[in-house]
Amino acid sequence: MESGGFSLRHALAFFVTFVAAVMFWYGTHLVLSEADKTPHTPVMHVSLARPPAPPAPTPPKVVPKPPKPVVQKRVASRTPRENSPHGTAPPASNAPVSNKDASPTPPAPPAPPAPSEDMSAQNTYFVAVRAAVEEQKRYPDSKDARLQQPSGTVIVWFTLDRTGQLLDSGIEQSAGSILDRAARDSVRRATFPPFPSGAWPGESQHRFSVDLKLHP
């Protein structure tokens, strides 16, 4: 219901506004009062300065030890003195040495044997025998040799008596029948000297081997 332009709604709004204003004032007053009652704690400013570093330790002084005195010892002479007017006895090196303490002298080693004259004579004779066979070496001239023309080395052996006479012969290493026959023919045609007196003593005959290279 409205009266003179002022309604109940307007009254209710005024009342609410009034109550809110009272409560706001009361709350503000209460907060300010409590803040005044709080004691103020003084603030202390503490300076944290670094303590000074301790001084460096002083090294101890080293006092050098005095050197030890050197005592010279006198070495007594082991050579007894004689009651001679000259003072000392003659040196011990002049005293005679007993033959019992001296070690016997070892015998001298035997001299190496001289080169045998027999070996030298045998080597010389073998050179002569080889030269005699090489002098009679002939390449085969048969029809087969001309067609095949073989080539190789034949080792031929033969036995001589002390007069240089051929007793027997054979092939020790073959290079084919054509060349083997030519090698044996070379030995048969050769003339050999007699053995030297110092060569192969006690042997009535000796066997030799000669290698012959045959090429067309």
N, C-alpha and C. Protein backbone atom coordinates (compact mmCIF):
# COMPACT_ATOMS: atom_id res chain seq x y z
N MET A 1 0.86 -1.16 0.00
CA MET A 1 0.00 0.00 0.00
C MET A 1 0.89 1.21 0.00
N GLU A 2 0.55 2.19 -0.74
CA GLU A 2 1.38 3.38 -0.86
C GLU A 2 0.69 4.54 -0.13
N SER A 3 1.49 5.42 0.50
CA SER A 3 0.96 6.59 1.22
C SER A 3 1.87 7.75 0.99
N GLY A 4 1.35 8.75 0.25
CA GLY A 4 2.14 9.97 0.01
C GLY A 4 3.39 9.70 -0.74
N GLY A 5 3.36 8.74 -1.64
CA GLY A 5 4.55 8.41 -2.45
C GLY A 5 5.58 7.57 -1.73
N PHE A 6 5.44 7.10 -0.51
CA PHE A 6 6.40 6.28 0.25
C PHE A 6 5.74 4.94 0.47
N SER A 7 6.33 3.88 -0.08
CA SER A 7 5.76 2.55 -0.01
C SER A 7 6.50 1.71 0.98
N LEU A 8 5.94 0.51 1.24
CA LEU A 8 6.58 -0.45 2.14
C LEU A 8 7.90 -0.96 1.56
N ARG A 9 7.95 -1.08 0.32
CA ARG A 9 9.20 -1.55 -0.33
C ARG A 9 10.31 -0.55 -0.09
N HIS A 10 9.99 0.72 -0.17
CA HIS A 10 11.01 1.74 0.07
C HIS A 10 11.48 1.69 1.50
N ALA A 11 10.58 1.41 2.41
CA ALA A 11 10.96 1.34 3.83
C ALA A 11 11.87 0.18 4.10
N LEU A 12 11.54 -0.98 3.50
CA LEU A 12 12.38 -2.17 3.68
C LEU A 12 13.77 -1.95 3.12
N ALA A 13 13.88 -1.31 1.99
CA ALA A 13 15.21 -1.04 1.41
C ALA A 13 16.00 -0.08 2.27
N PHE A 14 15.37 0.91 2.86
CA PHE A 14 16.07 1.85 3.73
C PHE A 14 16.59 1.15 4.96
N PHE A 15 15.73 0.22 5.50
CA PHE A 15 16.13 -0.48 6.70
C PHE A 15 17.37 -1.36 6.44
N VAL A 16 17.34 -2.06 5.33
CA VAL A 16 18.50 -2.92 5.01
C VAL A 16 19.75 -2.10 4.81
N THR A 17 19.61 -0.97 4.19
CA THR A 17 20.78 -0.11 3.96
C THR A 17 21.31 0.42 5.27
N PHE A 18 20.46 0.74 6.18
CA PHE A 18 20.88 1.27 7.46
C PHE A 18 21.63 0.21 8.25
N VAL A 19 21.05 -1.00 8.25
CA VAL A 19 21.69 -2.08 9.01
C VAL A 19 23.09 -2.38 8.44
N ALA A 20 23.21 -2.38 7.13
CA ALA A 20 24.53 -2.66 6.52
C ALA A 20 25.53 -1.58 6.87
N ALA A 21 25.08 -0.32 6.91
CA ALA A 21 25.99 0.77 7.24
C ALA A 21 26.45 0.67 8.67
N VAL A 22 25.51 0.29 9.58
CA VAL A 22 25.90 0.14 10.99
C VAL A 22 26.91 -0.97 11.16
N MET A 23 26.66 -2.11 10.53
CA MET A 23 27.59 -3.24 10.66
C MET A 23 28.97 -2.91 10.06
N PHE A 24 29.01 -2.19 8.99
CA PHE A 24 30.30 -1.83 8.37
C PHE A 24 31.10 -0.91 9.30
N TRP A 25 30.36 0.05 9.92
CA TRP A 25 31.04 0.98 10.83
C TRP A 25 31.55 0.25 12.05
N TYR A 26 30.73 -0.68 12.56
CA TYR A 26 31.12 -1.41 13.76
C TYR A 26 32.34 -2.31 13.47
N GLY A 27 32.29 -2.94 12.30
CA GLY A 27 33.44 -3.81 11.98
C GLY A 27 34.73 -3.03 11.80
N THR A 28 34.64 -1.87 11.17
CA THR A 28 35.84 -1.06 10.96
C THR A 28 36.40 -0.57 12.27
N HIS A 29 35.52 -0.14 13.18
CA HIS A 29 35.95 0.35 14.48
C HIS A 29 36.63 -0.76 15.27
N LEU A 30 36.05 -1.99 15.18
CA LEU A 30 36.63 -3.13 15.92
C LEU A 30 38.01 -3.49 15.41
N VAL A 31 38.19 -3.47 14.10
CA VAL A 31 39.52 -3.81 13.53
C VAL A 31 40.55 -2.79 13.94
N LEU A 32 40.19 -1.52 13.89
CA LEU A 32 41.15 -0.48 14.26
C LEU A 32 41.50 -0.56 15.73
N SER A 33 40.53 -0.94 16.56
CA SER A 33 40.81 -1.04 17.99
C SER A 33 41.77 -2.18 18.27
N GLU A 34 41.58 -3.34 17.63
CA GLU A 34 42.47 -4.47 17.85
C GLU A 34 43.88 -4.18 17.36
N ALA A 35 44.00 -3.39 16.29
CA ALA A 35 45.35 -3.04 15.78
C ALA A 35 46.07 -2.14 16.74
N ASP A 36 45.34 -1.28 17.45
CA ASP A 36 45.99 -0.38 18.40
C ASP A 36 46.47 -1.12 19.62
N LYS A 37 45.72 -2.24 19.97
CA LYS A 37 46.11 -2.99 21.14
C LYS A 37 47.34 -3.85 20.91
N THR A 38 47.74 -4.17 19.69
CA THR A 38 48.90 -5.05 19.41
C THR A 38 50.18 -4.31 19.70
N PRO A 39 51.03 -4.86 20.59
CA PRO A 39 52.28 -4.15 20.92
C PRO A 39 53.23 -4.18 19.72
N HIS A 40 53.97 -3.10 19.60
CA HIS A 40 54.95 -2.99 18.50
C HIS A 40 56.28 -3.58 18.95
N THR A 41 56.75 -4.53 18.19
CA THR A 41 58.05 -5.17 18.49
C THR A 41 59.16 -4.42 17.79
N PRO A 42 60.15 -3.94 18.55
CA PRO A 42 61.24 -3.19 17.89
C PRO A 42 62.06 -4.11 17.00
N VAL A 43 62.49 -3.62 15.89
CA VAL A 43 63.29 -4.38 14.90
C VAL A 43 64.75 -4.06 15.13
N MET A 44 65.54 -5.09 15.30
CA MET A 44 66.99 -4.93 15.52
C MET A 44 67.71 -5.30 14.23
N HIS A 45 68.61 -4.46 13.82
CA HIS A 45 69.43 -4.69 12.62
C HIS A 45 70.78 -5.26 13.07
N VAL A 46 71.06 -6.52 12.69
CA VAL A 46 72.31 -7.19 13.07
C VAL A 46 73.21 -7.26 11.85
N SER A 47 74.40 -6.80 11.99
CA SER A 47 75.38 -6.83 10.89
C SER A 47 76.23 -8.09 11.00
N LEU A 48 76.16 -8.97 9.98
CA LEU A 48 76.92 -10.23 9.96
C LEU A 48 78.22 -10.02 9.19
N ALA A 49 79.16 -9.49 9.88
CA ALA A 49 80.48 -9.26 9.25
C ALA A 49 81.33 -10.50 9.36
N ARG A 50 82.16 -10.82 8.28
CA ARG A 50 83.05 -12.00 8.26
C ARG A 50 84.21 -11.77 9.22
N PRO A 51 84.49 -12.77 10.08
CA PRO A 51 85.62 -12.58 11.03
C PRO A 51 86.94 -12.55 10.27
N PRO A 52 87.89 -11.83 10.80
CA PRO A 52 89.20 -11.75 10.12
C PRO A 52 89.88 -13.11 10.08
N ALA A 53 90.63 -13.38 8.97
CA ALA A 53 91.35 -14.66 8.81
C ALA A 53 92.47 -14.76 9.81
N PRO A 54 92.68 -15.98 10.37
CA PRO A 54 93.78 -16.13 11.35
C PRO A 54 95.13 -15.96 10.65
N PRO A 55 96.10 -15.48 11.33
CA PRO A 55 97.44 -15.29 10.73
C PRO A 55 98.07 -16.63 10.36
N ALA A 56 98.87 -16.65 9.25
CA ALA A 56 99.54 -17.89 8.80
C ALA A 56 100.56 -18.33 9.85
N PRO A 57 100.62 -19.67 10.07
CA PRO A 57 101.59 -20.15 11.08
C PRO A 57 103.03 -19.92 10.61
N THR A 58 103.83 -19.55 11.49
CA THR A 58 105.25 -19.31 11.21
C THR A 58 105.99 -20.64 11.22
N PRO A 59 106.72 -20.99 10.10
CA PRO A 59 107.43 -22.29 10.10
C PRO A 59 108.51 -22.31 11.17
N PRO A 60 108.68 -23.46 11.79
CA PRO A 60 109.72 -23.54 12.84
C PRO A 60 111.12 -23.41 12.23
N LYS A 61 111.93 -22.82 12.95
CA LYS A 61 113.32 -22.63 12.52
C LYS A 61 114.09 -23.93 12.66
N VAL A 62 114.81 -24.28 11.57
CA VAL A 62 115.62 -25.50 11.58
C VAL A 62 117.03 -25.14 11.97
N VAL A 63 117.45 -25.71 13.04
CA VAL A 63 118.81 -25.43 13.52
C VAL A 63 119.72 -26.54 13.00
N PRO A 64 120.71 -26.23 12.16
CA PRO A 64 121.61 -27.28 11.64
C PRO A 64 122.41 -27.93 12.76
N LYS A 65 122.49 -29.27 12.64
CA LYS A 65 123.27 -30.01 13.63
C LYS A 65 124.75 -29.84 13.35
N PRO A 66 125.50 -29.71 14.36
CA PRO A 66 126.97 -29.57 14.16
C PRO A 66 127.54 -30.87 13.63
N PRO A 67 128.49 -30.81 12.69
CA PRO A 67 129.09 -32.05 12.16
C PRO A 67 129.82 -32.83 13.23
N LYS A 68 129.73 -34.16 13.07
CA LYS A 68 130.40 -35.03 14.02
C LYS A 68 131.91 -34.98 13.80
N PRO A 69 132.63 -34.94 14.85
CA PRO A 69 134.11 -34.91 14.69
C PRO A 69 134.60 -36.23 14.12
N VAL A 70 135.50 -36.15 13.16
CA VAL A 70 136.09 -37.33 12.52
C VAL A 70 137.27 -37.78 13.34
N VAL A 71 137.17 -39.00 13.76
CA VAL A 71 138.26 -39.57 14.57
C VAL A 71 139.10 -40.45 13.68
N GLN A 72 140.30 -40.13 13.52
CA GLN A 72 141.23 -40.91 12.70
C GLN A 72 141.82 -42.04 13.55
N LYS A 73 141.60 -43.24 13.03
CA LYS A 73 142.14 -44.40 13.72
C LYS A 73 143.50 -44.75 13.16
N ARG A 74 144.32 -45.02 14.00
CA ARG A 74 145.66 -45.44 13.61
C ARG A 74 145.68 -46.95 13.39
N VAL A 75 146.16 -47.31 12.22
CA VAL A 75 146.25 -48.73 11.87
C VAL A 75 147.62 -49.22 12.26
N ALA A 76 147.63 -50.15 13.12
CA ALA A 76 148.92 -50.69 13.56
C ALA A 76 149.52 -51.54 12.48
N SER A 77 150.74 -51.42 12.28
CA SER A 77 151.45 -52.21 11.27
C SER A 77 151.50 -53.65 11.69
N ARG A 78 151.17 -54.53 10.73
CA ARG A 78 151.18 -55.96 11.02
C ARG A 78 152.58 -56.56 10.91
N THR A 79 153.48 -55.81 10.34
CA THR A 79 154.83 -56.35 10.17
C THR A 79 155.61 -56.14 11.46
N PRO A 80 156.04 -57.20 12.10
CA PRO A 80 156.79 -57.02 13.37
C PRO A 80 158.14 -56.37 13.10
N ARG A 81 158.45 -55.55 14.04
CA ARG A 81 159.75 -54.88 13.95
C ARG A 81 160.84 -55.74 14.57
N GLU A 82 161.96 -55.67 14.01
CA GLU A 82 163.11 -56.38 14.54
C GLU A 82 163.99 -55.41 15.32
N ASN A 83 164.79 -55.97 16.12
CA ASN A 83 165.72 -55.17 16.92
C ASN A 83 166.99 -54.87 16.15
N SER A 84 166.79 -54.57 14.88
CA SER A 84 167.96 -54.24 14.08
C SER A 84 168.17 -52.75 14.10
N PRO A 85 169.32 -52.31 13.81
CA PRO A 85 169.56 -50.86 13.82
C PRO A 85 168.84 -50.13 12.70
N HIS A 86 168.35 -50.84 11.65
CA HIS A 86 167.68 -50.17 10.53
C HIS A 86 166.19 -49.95 10.79
N GLY A 87 165.67 -50.48 11.86
CA GLY A 87 164.28 -50.19 12.20
C GLY A 87 163.33 -51.32 11.84
N THR A 88 162.87 -51.42 10.57
CA THR A 88 161.81 -52.36 10.17
C THR A 88 162.39 -53.55 9.44
N ALA A 89 161.61 -54.61 9.37
CA ALA A 89 162.01 -55.82 8.66
C ALA A 89 161.79 -55.65 7.18
N PRO A 90 162.42 -56.43 6.33
CA PRO A 90 162.22 -56.34 4.89
C PRO A 90 160.77 -56.68 4.53
N PRO A 91 160.27 -56.17 3.40
CA PRO A 91 158.87 -56.44 3.01
C PRO A 91 158.60 -57.92 2.85
N ALA A 92 157.33 -58.28 3.12
CA ALA A 92 156.96 -59.71 3.08
C ALA A 92 156.98 -60.27 1.67
N SER A 93 156.93 -59.38 0.62
CA SER A 93 156.92 -59.87 -0.75
C SER A 93 158.21 -60.57 -1.12
N ASN A 94 159.29 -60.28 -0.40
CA ASN A 94 160.57 -60.91 -0.71
C ASN A 94 160.69 -62.29 -0.09
N ALA A 95 159.73 -62.70 0.73
CA ALA A 95 159.83 -64.00 1.37
C ALA A 95 159.62 -65.09 0.35
N PRO A 96 160.27 -66.20 0.49
CA PRO A 96 160.10 -67.30 -0.49
C PRO A 96 158.70 -67.90 -0.38
N VAL A 97 158.15 -68.27 -1.53
CA VAL A 97 156.81 -68.86 -1.61
C VAL A 97 156.96 -70.36 -1.69
N SER A 98 156.16 -71.04 -0.89
CA SER A 98 156.23 -72.50 -0.87
C SER A 98 155.63 -73.06 -2.14
N ASN A 99 156.19 -74.11 -2.67
CA ASN A 99 155.68 -74.74 -3.89
C ASN A 99 154.38 -75.50 -3.66
N LYS A 100 154.03 -75.73 -2.38
CA LYS A 100 152.80 -76.46 -2.11
C LYS A 100 151.58 -75.62 -2.44
N ASP A 101 151.66 -74.27 -2.26
CA ASP A 101 150.51 -73.41 -2.53
C ASP A 101 150.33 -73.12 -4.00
N ALA A 102 151.35 -73.25 -4.80
CA ALA A 102 151.25 -72.92 -6.23
C ALA A 102 150.50 -74.03 -6.96
N SER A 103 149.47 -73.65 -7.77
CA SER A 103 148.70 -74.63 -8.52
C SER A 103 149.50 -75.08 -9.74
N PRO A 104 149.37 -76.35 -10.13
CA PRO A 104 150.13 -76.83 -11.30
C PRO A 104 149.64 -76.18 -12.58
N THR A 105 150.53 -75.89 -13.47
CA THR A 105 150.19 -75.27 -14.75
C THR A 105 149.54 -76.29 -15.67
N PRO A 106 148.33 -76.02 -16.19
CA PRO A 106 147.67 -77.01 -17.06
C PRO A 106 148.46 -77.18 -18.35
N PRO A 107 148.44 -78.37 -18.90
CA PRO A 107 149.18 -78.59 -20.15
C PRO A 107 148.54 -77.82 -21.31
N ALA A 108 149.34 -77.41 -22.23
CA ALA A 108 148.86 -76.66 -23.39
C ALA A 108 148.00 -77.57 -24.27
N PRO A 109 146.89 -77.04 -24.83
CA PRO A 109 146.04 -77.87 -25.69
C PRO A 109 146.80 -78.32 -26.93
N PRO A 110 146.46 -79.49 -27.42
CA PRO A 110 147.16 -79.96 -28.62
C PRO A 110 146.84 -79.11 -29.83
N ALA A 111 147.79 -78.97 -30.66
CA ALA A 111 147.61 -78.16 -31.88
C ALA A 111 146.65 -78.86 -32.82
N PRO A 112 145.81 -78.10 -33.53
CA PRO A 112 144.87 -78.74 -34.46
C PRO A 112 145.62 -79.50 -35.54
N PRO A 113 145.05 -80.64 -35.94
CA PRO A 113 145.75 -81.44 -36.95
C PRO A 113 145.85 -80.70 -38.27
N ALA A 114 146.96 -80.88 -38.91
CA ALA A 114 147.17 -80.26 -40.22
C ALA A 114 146.28 -80.93 -41.25
N PRO A 115 145.89 -80.21 -42.28
CA PRO A 115 145.05 -80.81 -43.33
C PRO A 115 145.71 -82.06 -43.90
N SER A 116 144.86 -83.08 -44.06
CA SER A 116 145.39 -84.35 -44.55
C SER A 116 145.84 -84.21 -46.01
N GLU A 117 147.02 -84.71 -46.25
CA GLU A 117 147.53 -84.72 -47.63
C GLU A 117 146.75 -85.70 -48.50
N ASP A 118 146.17 -86.73 -47.84
CA ASP A 118 145.41 -87.70 -48.60
C ASP A 118 144.14 -87.06 -49.17
N MET A 119 143.46 -86.22 -48.37
CA MET A 119 142.26 -85.56 -48.87
C MET A 119 142.59 -84.63 -50.02
N SER A 120 143.67 -83.93 -49.92
CA SER A 120 144.06 -83.04 -51.01
C SER A 120 144.34 -83.84 -52.29
N ALA A 121 145.00 -85.00 -52.15
CA ALA A 121 145.29 -85.82 -53.32
C ALA A 121 144.01 -86.40 -53.92
N GLN A 122 143.06 -86.77 -53.05
CA GLN A 122 141.81 -87.33 -53.55
C GLN A 122 140.99 -86.28 -54.30
N ASN A 123 140.94 -85.06 -53.76
CA ASN A 123 140.19 -84.00 -54.44
C ASN A 123 140.80 -83.66 -55.79
N THR A 124 142.12 -83.65 -55.83
CA THR A 124 142.80 -83.35 -57.10
C THR A 124 142.51 -84.43 -58.14
N TYR A 125 142.50 -85.69 -57.69
CA TYR A 125 142.23 -86.78 -58.63
C TYR A 125 140.79 -86.74 -59.12
N PHE A 126 139.83 -86.40 -58.25
CA PHE A 126 138.44 -86.34 -58.68
C PHE A 126 138.25 -85.25 -59.74
N VAL A 127 138.94 -84.14 -59.60
CA VAL A 127 138.84 -83.08 -60.60
C VAL A 127 139.35 -83.59 -61.95
N ALA A 128 140.44 -84.37 -61.92
CA ALA A 128 140.97 -84.91 -63.16
C ALA A 128 140.01 -85.91 -63.80
N VAL A 129 139.35 -86.74 -62.96
CA VAL A 129 138.40 -87.72 -63.48
C VAL A 129 137.20 -87.02 -64.13
N ARG A 130 136.71 -86.01 -63.50
CA ARG A 130 135.56 -85.28 -64.05
C ARG A 130 135.92 -84.62 -65.37
N ALA A 131 137.11 -84.04 -65.44
CA ALA A 131 137.54 -83.39 -66.67
C ALA A 131 137.66 -84.40 -67.81
N ALA A 132 138.11 -85.63 -67.49
CA ALA A 132 138.25 -86.65 -68.53
C ALA A 132 136.89 -87.05 -69.10
N VAL A 133 135.86 -87.12 -68.23
CA VAL A 133 134.52 -87.48 -68.71
C VAL A 133 133.91 -86.33 -69.50
N GLU A 134 134.08 -85.10 -69.03
CA GLU A 134 133.53 -83.94 -69.75
C GLU A 134 134.17 -83.80 -71.13
N GLU A 135 135.41 -84.21 -71.22
CA GLU A 135 136.10 -84.09 -72.52
C GLU A 135 135.49 -85.04 -73.55
N GLN A 136 134.97 -86.19 -73.10
CA GLN A 136 134.40 -87.17 -74.02
C GLN A 136 132.87 -87.07 -74.12
N LYS A 137 132.28 -86.05 -73.50
CA LYS A 137 130.81 -85.93 -73.53
C LYS A 137 130.36 -85.54 -74.94
N ARG A 138 129.38 -86.26 -75.47
CA ARG A 138 128.84 -86.00 -76.80
C ARG A 138 127.31 -86.06 -76.73
N TYR A 139 126.68 -85.13 -77.38
CA TYR A 139 125.23 -85.22 -77.47
C TYR A 139 124.88 -86.29 -78.50
N PRO A 140 123.89 -87.14 -78.22
CA PRO A 140 123.59 -88.24 -79.16
C PRO A 140 123.13 -87.71 -80.51
N ASP A 141 123.58 -88.44 -81.58
CA ASP A 141 123.21 -88.03 -82.95
C ASP A 141 122.32 -89.06 -83.62
N SER A 142 121.62 -89.85 -82.82
CA SER A 142 120.73 -90.85 -83.39
C SER A 142 119.48 -90.18 -83.97
N LYS A 143 118.71 -90.99 -84.72
CA LYS A 143 117.50 -90.47 -85.35
C LYS A 143 116.48 -90.02 -84.29
N ASP A 144 116.35 -90.81 -83.22
CA ASP A 144 115.42 -90.45 -82.15
C ASP A 144 115.83 -89.16 -81.48
N ALA A 145 117.16 -88.98 -81.27
CA ALA A 145 117.63 -87.75 -80.63
C ALA A 145 117.36 -86.53 -81.50
N ARG A 146 117.52 -86.68 -82.83
CA ARG A 146 117.26 -85.55 -83.72
C ARG A 146 115.77 -85.19 -83.76
N LEU A 147 114.90 -86.21 -83.62
CA LEU A 147 113.47 -85.95 -83.64
C LEU A 147 112.95 -85.40 -82.30
N GLN A 148 113.39 -86.00 -81.20
CA GLN A 148 112.87 -85.62 -79.89
C GLN A 148 113.66 -84.46 -79.26
N GLN A 149 114.96 -84.39 -79.56
CA GLN A 149 115.84 -83.36 -78.99
C GLN A 149 115.67 -83.25 -77.46
N PRO A 150 115.96 -84.35 -76.75
CA PRO A 150 115.82 -84.31 -75.28
C PRO A 150 116.92 -83.45 -74.65
N SER A 151 116.64 -82.99 -73.43
CA SER A 151 117.59 -82.15 -72.70
C SER A 151 117.47 -82.45 -71.21
N GLY A 152 118.61 -82.51 -70.50
CA GLY A 152 118.56 -82.79 -69.06
C GLY A 152 119.93 -83.09 -68.51
N THR A 153 119.93 -83.48 -67.23
CA THR A 153 121.18 -83.79 -66.51
C THR A 153 121.14 -85.24 -66.08
N VAL A 154 122.21 -85.96 -66.41
CA VAL A 154 122.35 -87.37 -66.05
C VAL A 154 123.48 -87.49 -65.04
N ILE A 155 123.24 -88.22 -63.95
CA ILE A 155 124.31 -88.53 -62.99
C ILE A 155 124.73 -89.97 -63.25
N VAL A 156 125.96 -90.14 -63.68
CA VAL A 156 126.50 -91.46 -64.02
C VAL A 156 127.55 -91.85 -62.98
N TRP A 157 127.54 -93.12 -62.57
CA TRP A 157 128.56 -93.61 -61.64
C TRP A 157 129.44 -94.62 -62.37
N PHE A 158 130.67 -94.74 -61.90
CA PHE A 158 131.61 -95.70 -62.49
C PHE A 158 132.66 -96.03 -61.44
N THR A 159 133.25 -97.22 -61.60
CA THR A 159 134.25 -97.73 -60.66
C THR A 159 135.58 -97.88 -61.38
N LEU A 160 136.67 -97.38 -60.77
CA LEU A 160 138.02 -97.46 -61.32
C LEU A 160 138.91 -98.20 -60.35
N ASP A 161 139.88 -98.94 -60.89
CA ASP A 161 140.90 -99.52 -60.01
C ASP A 161 142.04 -98.53 -59.85
N ARG A 162 143.07 -98.91 -59.14
CA ARG A 162 144.13 -97.95 -58.82
C ARG A 162 144.97 -97.59 -60.04
N THR A 163 144.86 -98.37 -61.11
CA THR A 163 145.59 -98.02 -62.33
C THR A 163 144.78 -97.10 -63.24
N GLY A 164 143.50 -96.79 -62.87
CA GLY A 164 142.64 -95.96 -63.70
C GLY A 164 141.83 -96.74 -64.70
N GLN A 165 141.79 -98.06 -64.55
CA GLN A 165 141.03 -98.89 -65.47
C GLN A 165 139.55 -98.90 -65.07
N LEU A 166 138.64 -98.72 -66.08
CA LEU A 166 137.21 -98.74 -65.83
C LEU A 166 136.76 -100.16 -65.57
N LEU A 167 136.12 -100.38 -64.42
CA LEU A 167 135.63 -101.71 -64.07
C LEU A 167 134.13 -101.85 -64.28
N ASP A 168 133.33 -100.81 -63.98
CA ASP A 168 131.87 -100.90 -64.12
C ASP A 168 131.32 -99.48 -64.17
N SER A 169 130.09 -99.34 -64.66
CA SER A 169 129.44 -98.04 -64.74
C SER A 169 127.93 -98.24 -64.72
N GLY A 170 127.19 -97.19 -64.42
CA GLY A 170 125.73 -97.25 -64.37
C GLY A 170 125.14 -95.84 -64.24
N ILE A 171 123.82 -95.77 -64.21
CA ILE A 171 123.10 -94.49 -64.13
C ILE A 171 122.55 -94.33 -62.71
N GLU A 172 122.93 -93.24 -62.06
CA GLU A 172 122.45 -92.93 -60.70
C GLU A 172 121.20 -92.05 -60.76
N GLN A 173 121.13 -91.16 -61.74
CA GLN A 173 119.94 -90.33 -61.94
C GLN A 173 119.68 -90.24 -63.44
N SER A 174 118.52 -90.71 -63.85
CA SER A 174 118.22 -90.81 -65.28
C SER A 174 117.58 -89.53 -65.81
N ALA A 175 117.83 -89.29 -67.11
CA ALA A 175 117.18 -88.18 -67.83
C ALA A 175 116.55 -88.70 -69.11
N GLY A 176 116.26 -89.98 -69.16
CA GLY A 176 115.71 -90.59 -70.36
C GLY A 176 116.73 -91.53 -70.99
N SER A 177 116.21 -92.52 -71.68
CA SER A 177 117.10 -93.55 -72.22
C SER A 177 118.10 -92.99 -73.23
N ILE A 178 117.72 -92.01 -74.01
CA ILE A 178 118.63 -91.47 -75.03
C ILE A 178 119.82 -90.77 -74.36
N LEU A 179 119.55 -89.94 -73.38
CA LEU A 179 120.64 -89.21 -72.69
C LEU A 179 121.42 -90.13 -71.78
N ASP A 180 120.77 -91.14 -71.17
CA ASP A 180 121.50 -92.08 -70.31
C ASP A 180 122.54 -92.85 -71.12
N ARG A 181 122.19 -93.26 -72.32
CA ARG A 181 123.13 -94.01 -73.17
C ARG A 181 124.31 -93.11 -73.56
N ALA A 182 124.04 -91.83 -73.83
CA ALA A 182 125.13 -90.92 -74.19
C ALA A 182 126.07 -90.69 -73.01
N ALA A 183 125.53 -90.65 -71.78
CA ALA A 183 126.38 -90.45 -70.60
C ALA A 183 127.28 -91.65 -70.36
N ARG A 184 126.78 -92.84 -70.49
CA ARG A 184 127.60 -94.03 -70.29
C ARG A 184 128.66 -94.15 -71.39
N ASP A 185 128.32 -93.75 -72.61
CA ASP A 185 129.31 -93.77 -73.69
C ASP A 185 130.44 -92.78 -73.40
N SER A 186 130.12 -91.64 -72.79
CA SER A 186 131.16 -90.65 -72.45
C SER A 186 132.14 -91.23 -71.44
N VAL A 187 131.64 -92.01 -70.45
CA VAL A 187 132.52 -92.62 -69.45
C VAL A 187 133.39 -93.70 -70.10
N ARG A 188 132.83 -94.50 -71.02
CA ARG A 188 133.60 -95.57 -71.65
C ARG A 188 134.72 -95.02 -72.53
N ARG A 189 134.50 -93.87 -73.16
CA ARG A 189 135.53 -93.30 -74.04
C ARG A 189 136.64 -92.58 -73.27
N ALA A 190 136.38 -92.23 -72.03
CA ALA A 190 137.36 -91.44 -71.27
C ALA A 190 138.55 -92.30 -70.88
N THR A 191 139.71 -91.61 -70.71
CA THR A 191 140.94 -92.24 -70.24
C THR A 191 141.28 -91.62 -68.89
N PHE A 192 141.44 -92.46 -67.85
CA PHE A 192 141.64 -91.97 -66.49
C PHE A 192 143.07 -92.26 -66.04
N PRO A 193 143.68 -91.33 -65.27
CA PRO A 193 145.03 -91.56 -64.76
C PRO A 193 144.98 -92.50 -63.57
N PRO A 194 146.11 -93.10 -63.19
CA PRO A 194 146.14 -93.97 -62.01
C PRO A 194 145.96 -93.15 -60.72
N PHE A 195 145.60 -93.83 -59.63
CA PHE A 195 145.40 -93.15 -58.35
C PHE A 195 146.73 -92.59 -57.83
N PRO A 196 146.71 -91.46 -57.16
CA PRO A 196 147.91 -91.00 -56.46
C PRO A 196 148.25 -91.96 -55.33
N SER A 197 149.50 -91.95 -54.90
CA SER A 197 149.95 -92.91 -53.88
C SER A 197 149.23 -92.70 -52.55
N GLY A 198 148.87 -91.44 -52.22
CA GLY A 198 148.22 -91.18 -50.93
C GLY A 198 146.71 -91.17 -50.98
N ALA A 199 146.09 -91.44 -52.15
CA ALA A 199 144.64 -91.38 -52.27
C ALA A 199 144.03 -92.73 -51.97
N TRP A 200 142.98 -92.72 -51.12
CA TRP A 200 142.26 -93.92 -50.73
C TRP A 200 143.18 -95.08 -50.37
N PRO A 201 143.99 -94.89 -49.34
CA PRO A 201 144.92 -95.97 -48.98
C PRO A 201 144.16 -97.22 -48.55
N GLY A 202 144.67 -98.37 -48.94
CA GLY A 202 144.05 -99.65 -48.59
C GLY A 202 142.91 -100.04 -49.50
N GLU A 203 142.53 -99.23 -50.49
CA GLU A 203 141.45 -99.57 -51.42
C GLU A 203 142.05 -99.95 -52.77
N SER A 204 141.59 -101.06 -53.29
CA SER A 204 142.05 -101.47 -54.62
C SER A 204 141.21 -100.85 -55.73
N GLN A 205 140.03 -100.33 -55.40
CA GLN A 205 139.17 -99.67 -56.38
C GLN A 205 138.30 -98.63 -55.65
N HIS A 206 137.72 -97.70 -56.43
CA HIS A 206 136.90 -96.64 -55.83
C HIS A 206 135.80 -96.26 -56.81
N ARG A 207 134.65 -95.91 -56.24
CA ARG A 207 133.49 -95.55 -57.06
C ARG A 207 133.36 -94.03 -57.12
N PHE A 208 133.06 -93.49 -58.31
CA PHE A 208 132.91 -92.04 -58.54
C PHE A 208 131.52 -91.79 -59.15
N SER A 209 131.03 -90.55 -58.96
CA SER A 209 129.77 -90.09 -59.57
C SER A 209 130.00 -88.74 -60.18
N VAL A 210 129.53 -88.57 -61.44
CA VAL A 210 129.71 -87.33 -62.18
C VAL A 210 128.36 -86.96 -62.80
N ASP A 211 127.98 -85.69 -62.70
CA ASP A 211 126.74 -85.22 -63.34
C ASP A 211 127.08 -84.58 -64.68
N LEU A 212 126.36 -84.99 -65.72
CA LEU A 212 126.58 -84.51 -67.09
C LEU A 212 125.31 -83.82 -67.59
N LYS A 213 125.46 -82.57 -68.02
CA LYS A 213 124.35 -81.83 -68.60
C LYS A 213 124.41 -81.97 -70.12
N LEU A 214 123.32 -82.48 -70.70
CA LEU A 214 123.28 -82.75 -72.14
C LEU A 214 122.17 -81.91 -72.76
N HIS A 215 122.53 -81.09 -73.71
CA HIS A 215 121.58 -80.23 -74.43
C HIS A 215 121.85 -80.32 -75.92
N PRO A 216 120.81 -80.21 -76.77
CA PRO A 216 121.04 -80.30 -78.22
C PRO A 216 121.78 -79.06 -78.74
